[in-house]
Amino acid sequence: MALTSQDIARIANLARLELNPAESERMLTQINGFFDIVEKMRAVDTSGVEPLAHPVAAIQDVALRLREDVASEPNQRDANQRSAPAVERGLFLVPKVIE
């Protein structure tokens, strides 16, 4: 997958960026270079390779330092919602913005 100058112009327009021709050419080169790397990575056969939980796990055993999933803060919902303009059953009410 390779982008064209028109693709870069469209992306810049969507991002509200003004790129001069030199910047546009540099972005085209960089982004196409990125896509080349992605294509090379996709071409590697990874069947039979176990996913790693941590990158160091490939070379040594790693004990993940996980903590218990317990609440460490007191429930202050009422205090936090006191200044809200609208609350219902413990939830903030916000105006509908999407039809």
PDB file of N, CA and C in Angstrom:
ATOM      1  N   MET A   1       0.849  -1.175   0.000  1.00  0.00           N
ATOM      2  CA  MET A   1       0.000   0.000   0.000  1.00  0.00           C
ATOM      3  C   MET A   1       0.891   1.234   0.000  1.00  0.00           C
ATOM      4  N   ALA A   2       0.771   2.044  -1.008  1.00  0.00           N
ATOM      5  CA  ALA A   2       1.554   3.268  -1.083  1.00  0.00           C
ATOM      6  C   ALA A   2       0.610   4.451  -1.260  1.00  0.00           C
ATOM      7  N   LEU A   3       0.911   5.506  -0.556  1.00  0.00           N
ATOM      8  CA  LEU A   3       0.112   6.717  -0.674  1.00  0.00           C
ATOM      9  C   LEU A   3       0.650   7.586  -1.797  1.00  0.00           C
ATOM     10  N   THR A   4      -0.207   8.472  -2.286  1.00  0.00           N
ATOM     11  CA  THR A   4       0.189   9.425  -3.322  1.00  0.00           C
ATOM     12  C   THR A   4       0.196  10.824  -2.727  1.00  0.00           C
ATOM     13  N   SER A   5       0.662  11.779  -3.514  1.00  0.00           N
ATOM     14  CA  SER A   5       0.660  13.178  -3.070  1.00  0.00           C
ATOM     15  C   SER A   5      -0.762  13.659  -2.792  1.00  0.00           C
ATOM     16  N   GLN A   6      -1.719  13.165  -3.580  1.00  0.00           N
ATOM     17  CA  GLN A   6      -3.115  13.546  -3.354  1.00  0.00           C
ATOM     18  C   GLN A   6      -3.620  13.010  -2.011  1.00  0.00           C
ATOM     19  N   ASP A   7      -3.185  11.814  -1.627  1.00  0.00           N
ATOM     20  CA  ASP A   7      -3.562  11.249  -0.329  1.00  0.00           C
ATOM     21  C   ASP A   7      -3.025  12.125   0.803  1.00  0.00           C
ATOM     22  N   ILE A   8      -1.771  12.550   0.674  1.00  0.00           N
ATOM     23  CA  ILE A   8      -1.161  13.406   1.698  1.00  0.00           C
ATOM     24  C   ILE A   8      -1.910  14.725   1.783  1.00  0.00           C
ATOM     25  N   ALA A   9      -2.275  15.293   0.642  1.00  0.00           N
ATOM     26  CA  ALA A   9      -3.028  16.558   0.639  1.00  0.00           C
ATOM     27  C   ALA A   9      -4.377  16.381   1.327  1.00  0.00           C
ATOM     28  N   ARG A  10      -5.042  15.262   1.079  1.00  0.00           N
ATOM     29  CA  ARG A  10      -6.348  15.010   1.708  1.00  0.00           C
ATOM     30  C   ARG A  10      -6.203  14.824   3.214  1.00  0.00           C
ATOM     31  N   ILE A  11      -5.187  14.059   3.625  1.00  0.00           N
ATOM     32  CA  ILE A  11      -4.948  13.853   5.056  1.00  0.00           C
ATOM     33  C   ILE A  11      -4.628  15.173   5.738  1.00  0.00           C
ATOM     34  N   ALA A  12      -3.799  15.991   5.103  1.00  0.00           N
ATOM     35  CA  ALA A  12      -3.454  17.298   5.663  1.00  0.00           C
ATOM     36  C   ALA A  12      -4.692  18.174   5.777  1.00  0.00           C
ATOM     37  N   ASN A  13      -5.554  18.120   4.781  1.00  0.00           N
ATOM     38  CA  ASN A  13      -6.790  18.901   4.819  1.00  0.00           C
ATOM     39  C   ASN A  13      -7.689  18.440   5.964  1.00  0.00           C
ATOM     40  N   LEU A  14      -7.831  17.133   6.123  1.00  0.00           N
ATOM     41  CA  LEU A  14      -8.656  16.603   7.210  1.00  0.00           C
ATOM     42  C   LEU A  14      -8.090  16.965   8.575  1.00  0.00           C
ATOM     43  N   ALA A  15      -6.764  17.039   8.666  1.00  0.00           N
ATOM     44  CA  ALA A  15      -6.100  17.380   9.931  1.00  0.00           C
ATOM     45  C   ALA A  15      -5.961  18.894  10.104  1.00  0.00           C
ATOM     46  N   ARG A  16      -6.476  19.638   9.139  1.00  0.00           N
ATOM     47  CA  ARG A  16      -6.387  21.104   9.166  1.00  0.00           C
ATOM     48  C   ARG A  16      -4.940  21.574   9.224  1.00  0.00           C
ATOM     49  N   LEU A  17      -4.073  20.923   8.409  1.00  0.00           N
ATOM     50  CA  LEU A  17      -2.663  21.281   8.337  1.00  0.00           C
ATOM     51  C   LEU A  17      -2.390  21.943   6.995  1.00  0.00           C
ATOM     52  N   GLU A  18      -1.542  22.946   7.021  1.00  0.00           N
ATOM     53  CA  GLU A  18      -1.086  23.556   5.782  1.00  0.00           C
ATOM     54  C   GLU A  18       0.350  23.093   5.547  1.00  0.00           C
ATOM     55  N   LEU A  19       0.540  22.243   4.555  1.00  0.00           N
ATOM     56  CA  LEU A  19       1.863  21.724   4.238  1.00  0.00           C
ATOM     57  C   LEU A  19       2.354  22.361   2.946  1.00  0.00           C
ATOM     58  N   ASN A  20       3.590  22.859   2.974  1.00  0.00           N
ATOM     59  CA  ASN A  20       4.163  23.335   1.720  1.00  0.00           C
ATOM     60  C   ASN A  20       4.631  22.112   0.937  1.00  0.00           C
ATOM     61  N   PRO A  21       4.967  22.263  -0.336  1.00  0.00           N
ATOM     62  CA  PRO A  21       5.332  21.094  -1.158  1.00  0.00           C
ATOM     63  C   PRO A  21       6.483  20.264  -0.574  1.00  0.00           C
ATOM     64  N   ALA A  22       7.480  20.907   0.024  1.00  0.00           N
ATOM     65  CA  ALA A  22       8.601  20.149   0.598  1.00  0.00           C
ATOM     66  C   ALA A  22       8.140  19.312   1.783  1.00  0.00           C
ATOM     67  N   GLU A  23       7.297  19.901   2.631  1.00  0.00           N
ATOM     68  CA  GLU A  23       6.773  19.153   3.784  1.00  0.00           C
ATOM     69  C   GLU A  23       5.888  18.005   3.320  1.00  0.00           C
ATOM     70  N   SER A  24       5.092  18.261   2.310  1.00  0.00           N
ATOM     71  CA  SER A  24       4.211  17.227   1.779  1.00  0.00           C
ATOM     72  C   SER A  24       5.025  16.053   1.228  1.00  0.00           C
ATOM     73  N   GLU A  25       6.091  16.351   0.506  1.00  0.00           N
ATOM     74  CA  GLU A  25       6.948  15.292  -0.048  1.00  0.00           C
ATOM     75  C   GLU A  25       7.636  14.510   1.066  1.00  0.00           C
ATOM     76  N   ARG A  26       8.093  15.223   2.093  1.00  0.00           N
ATOM     77  CA  ARG A  26       8.748  14.550   3.223  1.00  0.00           C
ATOM     78  C   ARG A  26       7.755  13.638   3.951  1.00  0.00           C
ATOM     79  N   MET A  27       6.521  14.120   4.166  1.00  0.00           N
ATOM     80  CA  MET A  27       5.503  13.292   4.819  1.00  0.00           C
ATOM     81  C   MET A  27       5.178  12.062   3.969  1.00  0.00           C
ATOM     82  N   LEU A  28       5.100  12.252   2.647  1.00  0.00           N
ATOM     83  CA  LEU A  28       4.824  11.134   1.754  1.00  0.00           C
ATOM     84  C   LEU A  28       5.908  10.067   1.888  1.00  0.00           C
ATOM     85  N   THR A  29       7.162  10.491   1.915  1.00  0.00           N
ATOM     86  CA  THR A  29       8.278   9.554   2.051  1.00  0.00           C
ATOM     87  C   THR A  29       8.228   8.836   3.397  1.00  0.00           C
ATOM     88  N   GLN A  30       7.985   9.589   4.463  1.00  0.00           N
ATOM     89  CA  GLN A  30       7.971   8.988   5.800  1.00  0.00           C
ATOM     90  C   GLN A  30       6.817   8.007   5.968  1.00  0.00           C
ATOM     91  N   ILE A  31       5.635   8.400   5.533  1.00  0.00           N
ATOM     92  CA  ILE A  31       4.468   7.523   5.717  1.00  0.00           C
ATOM     93  C   ILE A  31       4.596   6.277   4.847  1.00  0.00           C
ATOM     94  N   ASN A  32       5.058   6.435   3.606  1.00  0.00           N
ATOM     95  CA  ASN A  32       5.254   5.251   2.761  1.00  0.00           C
ATOM     96  C   ASN A  32       6.344   4.357   3.331  1.00  0.00           C
ATOM     97  N   GLY A  33       7.372   4.940   3.956  1.00  0.00           N
ATOM     98  CA  GLY A  33       8.387   4.140   4.633  1.00  0.00           C
ATOM     99  C   GLY A  33       7.789   3.340   5.779  1.00  0.00           C
ATOM    100  N   PHE A  34       6.893   3.965   6.515  1.00  0.00           N
ATOM    101  CA  PHE A  34       6.203   3.271   7.610  1.00  0.00           C
ATOM    102  C   PHE A  34       5.391   2.096   7.061  1.00  0.00           C
ATOM    103  N   PHE A  35       4.639   2.337   5.976  1.00  0.00           N
ATOM    104  CA  PHE A  35       3.842   1.252   5.386  1.00  0.00           C
ATOM    105  C   PHE A  35       4.730   0.129   4.852  1.00  0.00           C
ATOM    106  N   ASP A  36       5.913   0.468   4.348  1.00  0.00           N
ATOM    107  CA  ASP A  36       6.847  -0.576   3.893  1.00  0.00           C
ATOM    108  C   ASP A  36       7.264  -1.472   5.056  1.00  0.00           C
ATOM    109  N   ILE A  37       7.546  -0.860   6.207  1.00  0.00           N
ATOM    110  CA  ILE A  37       7.922  -1.635   7.394  1.00  0.00           C
ATOM    111  C   ILE A  37       6.770  -2.547   7.819  1.00  0.00           C
ATOM    112  N   VAL A  38       5.552  -2.018   7.801  1.00  0.00           N
ATOM    113  CA  VAL A  38       4.377  -2.811   8.180  1.00  0.00           C
ATOM    114  C   VAL A  38       4.208  -3.990   7.230  1.00  0.00           C
ATOM    115  N   GLU A  39       4.391  -3.768   5.937  1.00  0.00           N
ATOM    116  CA  GLU A  39       4.268  -4.864   4.968  1.00  0.00           C
ATOM    117  C   GLU A  39       5.327  -5.941   5.210  1.00  0.00           C
ATOM    118  N   LYS A  40       6.543  -5.540   5.542  1.00  0.00           N
ATOM    119  CA  LYS A  40       7.596  -6.517   5.842  1.00  0.00           C
ATOM    120  C   LYS A  40       7.239  -7.328   7.085  1.00  0.00           C
ATOM    121  N   MET A  41       6.675  -6.661   8.086  1.00  0.00           N
ATOM    122  CA  MET A  41       6.285  -7.366   9.310  1.00  0.00           C
ATOM    123  C   MET A  41       5.140  -8.333   9.033  1.00  0.00           C
ATOM    124  N   ARG A  42       4.204  -7.929   8.183  1.00  0.00           N
ATOM    125  CA  ARG A  42       3.074  -8.804   7.859  1.00  0.00           C
ATOM    126  C   ARG A  42       3.521 -10.021   7.060  1.00  0.00           C
ATOM    127  N   ALA A  43       4.633  -9.915   6.347  1.00  0.00           N
ATOM    128  CA  ALA A  43       5.116 -11.020   5.527  1.00  0.00           C
ATOM    129  C   ALA A  43       5.775 -12.116   6.358  1.00  0.00           C
ATOM    130  N   VAL A  44       6.114 -11.836   7.604  1.00  0.00           N
ATOM    131  CA  VAL A  44       6.785 -12.822   8.462  1.00  0.00           C
ATOM    132  C   VAL A  44       5.770 -13.869   8.915  1.00  0.00           C
ATOM    133  N   ASP A  45       6.134 -15.135   8.785  1.00  0.00           N
ATOM    134  CA  ASP A  45       5.273 -16.228   9.225  1.00  0.00           C
ATOM    135  C   ASP A  45       5.362 -16.353  10.746  1.00  0.00           C
ATOM    136  N   THR A  46       4.281 -16.046  11.432  1.00  0.00           N
ATOM    137  CA  THR A  46       4.267 -16.111  12.896  1.00  0.00           C
ATOM    138  C   THR A  46       3.417 -17.264  13.402  1.00  0.00           C
ATOM    139  N   SER A  47       3.063 -18.179  12.526  1.00  0.00           N
ATOM    140  CA  SER A  47       2.274 -19.317  12.987  1.00  0.00           C
ATOM    141  C   SER A  47       3.118 -20.140  13.955  1.00  0.00           C
ATOM    142  N   GLY A  48       2.514 -20.533  15.032  1.00  0.00           N
ATOM    143  CA  GLY A  48       3.213 -21.315  16.044  1.00  0.00           C
ATOM    144  C   GLY A  48       3.993 -20.474  17.048  1.00  0.00           C
ATOM    145  N   VAL A  49       3.951 -19.172  16.924  1.00  0.00           N
ATOM    146  CA  VAL A  49       4.653 -18.300  17.862  1.00  0.00           C
ATOM    147  C   VAL A  49       3.665 -17.877  18.941  1.00  0.00           C
ATOM    148  N   GLU A  50       4.017 -18.162  20.186  1.00  0.00           N
ATOM    149  CA  GLU A  50       3.154 -17.799  21.309  1.00  0.00           C
ATOM    150  C   GLU A  50       3.239 -16.298  21.569  1.00  0.00           C
ATOM    151  N   PRO A  51       2.125 -15.646  21.810  1.00  0.00           N
ATOM    152  CA  PRO A  51       2.168 -14.226  22.159  1.00  0.00           C
ATOM    153  C   PRO A  51       2.866 -14.025  23.502  1.00  0.00           C
ATOM    154  N   LEU A  52       3.539 -12.909  23.652  1.00  0.00           N
ATOM    155  CA  LEU A  52       4.258 -12.605  24.888  1.00  0.00           C
ATOM    156  C   LEU A  52       3.459 -11.609  25.726  1.00  0.00           C
ATOM    157  N   ALA A  53       3.437 -11.836  27.034  1.00  0.00           N
ATOM    158  CA  ALA A  53       2.818 -10.871  27.936  1.00  0.00           C
ATOM    159  C   ALA A  53       3.769  -9.716  28.198  1.00  0.00           C
ATOM    160  N   HIS A  54       5.054  -9.965  28.000  1.00  0.00           N
ATOM    161  CA  HIS A  54       6.087  -8.952  28.233  1.00  0.00           C
ATOM    162  C   HIS A  54       7.230  -9.241  27.259  1.00  0.00           C
ATOM    163  N   PRO A  55       7.811  -8.225  26.621  1.00  0.00           N
ATOM    164  CA  PRO A  55       8.852  -8.497  25.629  1.00  0.00           C
ATOM    165  C   PRO A  55      10.079  -9.207  26.189  1.00  0.00           C
ATOM    166  N   VAL A  56      10.393  -9.017  27.454  1.00  0.00           N
ATOM    167  CA  VAL A  56      11.554  -9.669  28.057  1.00  0.00           C
ATOM    168  C   VAL A  56      11.296 -11.162  28.246  1.00  0.00           C
ATOM    169  N   ALA A  57      10.033 -11.572  28.223  1.00  0.00           N
ATOM    170  CA  ALA A  57       9.697 -12.981  28.421  1.00  0.00           C
ATOM    171  C   ALA A  57      10.305 -13.870  27.341  1.00  0.00           C
ATOM    172  N   ALA A  58      10.728 -13.305  26.227  1.00  0.00           N
ATOM    173  CA  ALA A  58      11.352 -14.097  25.170  1.00  0.00           C
ATOM    174  C   ALA A  58      12.732 -14.587  25.582  1.00  0.00           C
ATOM    175  N   ILE A  59      13.391 -13.874  26.513  1.00  0.00           N
ATOM    176  CA  ILE A  59      14.754 -14.252  26.882  1.00  0.00           C
ATOM    177  C   ILE A  59      14.900 -14.701  28.329  1.00  0.00           C
ATOM    178  N   GLN A  60      13.925 -14.407  29.168  1.00  0.00           N
ATOM    179  CA  GLN A  60      13.984 -14.857  30.563  1.00  0.00           C
ATOM    180  C   GLN A  60      12.579 -14.930  31.141  1.00  0.00           C
ATOM    181  N   ASP A  61      12.436 -15.700  32.231  1.00  0.00           N
ATOM    182  CA  ASP A  61      11.145 -15.791  32.896  1.00  0.00           C
ATOM    183  C   ASP A  61      10.833 -14.474  33.586  1.00  0.00           C
ATOM    184  N   VAL A  62       9.620 -14.015  33.414  1.00  0.00           N
ATOM    185  CA  VAL A  62       9.206 -12.752  34.009  1.00  0.00           C
ATOM    186  C   VAL A  62       7.998 -13.021  34.894  1.00  0.00           C
ATOM    187  N   ALA A  63       8.102 -12.621  36.139  1.00  0.00           N
ATOM    188  CA  ALA A  63       6.957 -12.708  37.044  1.00  0.00           C
ATOM    189  C   ALA A  63       6.259 -11.359  37.021  1.00  0.00           C
ATOM    190  N   LEU A  64       5.033 -11.351  36.533  1.00  0.00           N
ATOM    191  CA  LEU A  64       4.302 -10.096  36.473  1.00  0.00           C
ATOM    192  C   LEU A  64       3.919  -9.654  37.875  1.00  0.00           C
ATOM    193  N   ARG A  65       4.147  -8.393  38.142  1.00  0.00           N
ATOM    194  CA  ARG A  65       3.824  -7.847  39.457  1.00  0.00           C
ATOM    195  C   ARG A  65       2.394  -7.319  39.429  1.00  0.00           C
ATOM    196  N   LEU A  66       1.470  -8.208  39.624  1.00  0.00           N
ATOM    197  CA  LEU A  66       0.066  -7.826  39.617  1.00  0.00           C
ATOM    198  C   LEU A  66      -0.409  -7.630  41.050  1.00  0.00           C
ATOM    199  N   ARG A  67      -1.249  -6.656  41.231  1.00  0.00           N
ATOM    200  CA  ARG A  67      -1.789  -6.422  42.571  1.00  0.00           C
ATOM    201  C   ARG A  67      -3.246  -6.850  42.604  1.00  0.00           C
ATOM    202  N   GLU A  68      -3.739  -7.024  43.777  1.00  0.00           N
ATOM    203  CA  GLU A  68      -5.137  -7.393  43.952  1.00  0.00           C
ATOM    204  C   GLU A  68      -6.031  -6.273  43.436  1.00  0.00           C
ATOM    205  N   ASP A  69      -7.140  -6.654  42.836  1.00  0.00           N
ATOM    206  CA  ASP A  69      -8.089  -5.686  42.315  1.00  0.00           C
ATOM    207  C   ASP A  69      -9.062  -5.297  43.429  1.00  0.00           C
ATOM    208  N   VAL A  70      -8.627  -4.358  44.257  1.00  0.00           N
ATOM    209  CA  VAL A  70      -9.450  -3.914  45.376  1.00  0.00           C
ATOM    210  C   VAL A  70      -9.573  -2.392  45.316  1.00  0.00           C
ATOM    211  N   ALA A  71     -10.683  -1.888  45.806  1.00  0.00           N
ATOM    212  CA  ALA A  71     -10.890  -0.437  45.858  1.00  0.00           C
ATOM    213  C   ALA A  71      -9.958   0.160  46.896  1.00  0.00           C
ATOM    214  N   SER A  72      -9.207   1.185  46.487  1.00  0.00           N
ATOM    215  CA  SER A  72      -8.280   1.810  47.422  1.00  0.00           C
ATOM    216  C   SER A  72      -8.745   3.194  47.851  1.00  0.00           C
ATOM    217  N   GLU A  73      -9.812   3.668  47.245  1.00  0.00           N
ATOM    218  CA  GLU A  73     -10.366   4.973  47.592  1.00  0.00           C
ATOM    219  C   GLU A  73     -11.792   4.775  48.104  1.00  0.00           C
ATOM    220  N   PRO A  74     -12.201   5.583  49.048  1.00  0.00           N
ATOM    221  CA  PRO A  74     -13.596   5.479  49.514  1.00  0.00           C
ATOM    222  C   PRO A  74     -14.560   5.983  48.443  1.00  0.00           C
ATOM    223  N   ASN A  75     -15.777   5.503  48.492  1.00  0.00           N
ATOM    224  CA  ASN A  75     -16.800   5.932  47.549  1.00  0.00           C
ATOM    225  C   ASN A  75     -17.236   7.350  47.899  1.00  0.00           C
ATOM    226  N   GLN A  76     -16.924   8.297  47.029  1.00  0.00           N
ATOM    227  CA  GLN A  76     -17.299   9.695  47.250  1.00  0.00           C
ATOM    228  C   GLN A  76     -18.210  10.194  46.131  1.00  0.00           C
ATOM    229  N   ARG A  77     -19.028   9.300  45.593  1.00  0.00           N
ATOM    230  CA  ARG A  77     -19.897   9.659  44.477  1.00  0.00           C
ATOM    231  C   ARG A  77     -20.791  10.837  44.812  1.00  0.00           C
ATOM    232  N   ASP A  78     -21.444  10.795  45.964  1.00  0.00           N
ATOM    233  CA  ASP A  78     -22.358  11.887  46.320  1.00  0.00           C
ATOM    234  C   ASP A  78     -21.634  13.220  46.398  1.00  0.00           C
ATOM    235  N   ALA A  79     -20.471  13.236  46.992  1.00  0.00           N
ATOM    236  CA  ALA A  79     -19.707  14.483  47.103  1.00  0.00           C
ATOM    237  C   ALA A  79     -19.257  14.962  45.728  1.00  0.00           C
ATOM    238  N   ASN A  80     -18.853  14.047  44.867  1.00  0.00           N
ATOM    239  CA  ASN A  80     -18.388  14.421  43.531  1.00  0.00           C
ATOM    240  C   ASN A  80     -19.526  14.918  42.648  1.00  0.00           C
ATOM    241  N   GLN A  81     -20.730  14.424  42.875  1.00  0.00           N
ATOM    242  CA  GLN A  81     -21.859  14.814  42.038  1.00  0.00           C
ATOM    243  C   GLN A  81     -22.639  16.001  42.589  1.00  0.00           C
ATOM    244  N   ARG A  82     -22.242  16.484  43.735  1.00  0.00           N
ATOM    245  CA  ARG A  82     -22.962  17.591  44.359  1.00  0.00           C
ATOM    246  C   ARG A  82     -23.004  18.833  43.458  1.00  0.00           C
ATOM    247  N   SER A  83     -21.941  19.098  42.724  1.00  0.00           N
ATOM    248  CA  SER A  83     -21.890  20.301  41.884  1.00  0.00           C
ATOM    249  C   SER A  83     -22.402  20.060  40.464  1.00  0.00           C
ATOM    250  N   ALA A  84     -22.802  18.843  40.137  1.00  0.00           N
ATOM    251  CA  ALA A  84     -23.283  18.532  38.786  1.00  0.00           C
ATOM    252  C   ALA A  84     -24.648  19.163  38.561  1.00  0.00           C
ATOM    253  N   PRO A  85     -24.895  19.673  37.350  1.00  0.00           N
ATOM    254  CA  PRO A  85     -26.201  20.285  37.077  1.00  0.00           C
ATOM    255  C   PRO A  85     -27.350  19.284  37.060  1.00  0.00           C
ATOM    256  N   ALA A  86     -27.084  18.032  36.664  1.00  0.00           N
ATOM    257  CA  ALA A  86     -28.155  17.029  36.617  1.00  0.00           C
ATOM    258  C   ALA A  86     -27.578  15.646  36.906  1.00  0.00           C
ATOM    259  N   VAL A  87     -28.232  14.960  37.862  1.00  0.00           N
ATOM    260  CA  VAL A  87     -27.810  13.607  38.256  1.00  0.00           C
ATOM    261  C   VAL A  87     -29.066  12.770  38.416  1.00  0.00           C
ATOM    262  N   GLU A  88     -28.974  11.502  38.005  1.00  0.00           N
ATOM    263  CA  GLU A  88     -30.096  10.594  38.194  1.00  0.00           C
ATOM    264  C   GLU A  88     -29.555   9.218  38.540  1.00  0.00           C
ATOM    265  N   ARG A  89     -29.978   8.656  39.650  1.00  0.00           N
ATOM    266  CA  ARG A  89     -29.559   7.335  40.122  1.00  0.00           C
ATOM    267  C   ARG A  89     -28.037   7.165  40.116  1.00  0.00           C
ATOM    268  N   GLY A  90     -27.323   8.192  40.543  1.00  0.00           N
ATOM    269  CA  GLY A  90     -25.878   8.105  40.653  1.00  0.00           C
ATOM    270  C   GLY A  90     -25.124   8.343  39.356  1.00  0.00           C
ATOM    271  N   LEU A  91     -25.816   8.726  38.291  1.00  0.00           N
ATOM    272  CA  LEU A  91     -25.177   8.965  36.997  1.00  0.00           C
ATOM    273  C   LEU A  91     -25.300  10.431  36.610  1.00  0.00           C
ATOM    274  N   PHE A  92     -24.265  10.971  35.970  1.00  0.00           N
ATOM    275  CA  PHE A  92     -24.321  12.328  35.450  1.00  0.00           C
ATOM    276  C   PHE A  92     -25.236  12.343  34.234  1.00  0.00           C
ATOM    277  N   LEU A  93     -26.126  13.313  34.151  1.00  0.00           N
ATOM    278  CA  LEU A  93     -26.971  13.471  32.985  1.00  0.00           C
ATOM    279  C   LEU A  93     -26.385  14.576  32.117  1.00  0.00           C
ATOM    280  N   VAL A  94     -26.226  14.285  30.828  1.00  0.00           N
ATOM    281  CA  VAL A  94     -25.656  15.260  29.904  1.00  0.00           C
ATOM    282  C   VAL A  94     -26.630  15.450  28.741  1.00  0.00           C
ATOM    283  N   PRO A  95     -26.584  16.612  28.093  1.00  0.00           N
ATOM    284  CA  PRO A  95     -27.481  16.823  26.962  1.00  0.00           C
ATOM    285  C   PRO A  95     -27.150  15.890  25.799  1.00  0.00           C
ATOM    286  N   LYS A  96     -28.169  15.522  25.063  1.00  0.00           N
ATOM    287  CA  LYS A  96     -27.980  14.652  23.908  1.00  0.00           C
ATOM    288  C   LYS A  96     -27.327  15.473  22.806  1.00  0.00           C
ATOM    289  N   VAL A  97     -26.225  14.964  22.254  1.00  0.00           N
ATOM    290  CA  VAL A  97     -25.522  15.704  21.210  1.00  0.00           C
ATOM    291  C   VAL A  97     -25.507  14.965  19.878  1.00  0.00           C
ATOM    292  N   ILE A  98     -25.879  13.704  19.862  1.00  0.00           N
ATOM    293  CA  ILE A  98     -25.922  12.924  18.620  1.00  0.00           C
ATOM    294  C   ILE A  98     -27.351  12.435  18.436  1.00  0.00           C
ATOM    295  N   GLU A  99     -27.879  12.698  17.267  1.00  0.00           N
ATOM    296  CA  GLU A  99     -29.249  12.270  16.978  1.00  0.00           C
ATOM    297  C   GLU A  99     -29.301  10.806  16.646  1.00  0.00           C
TER     298      GLU A  99
END
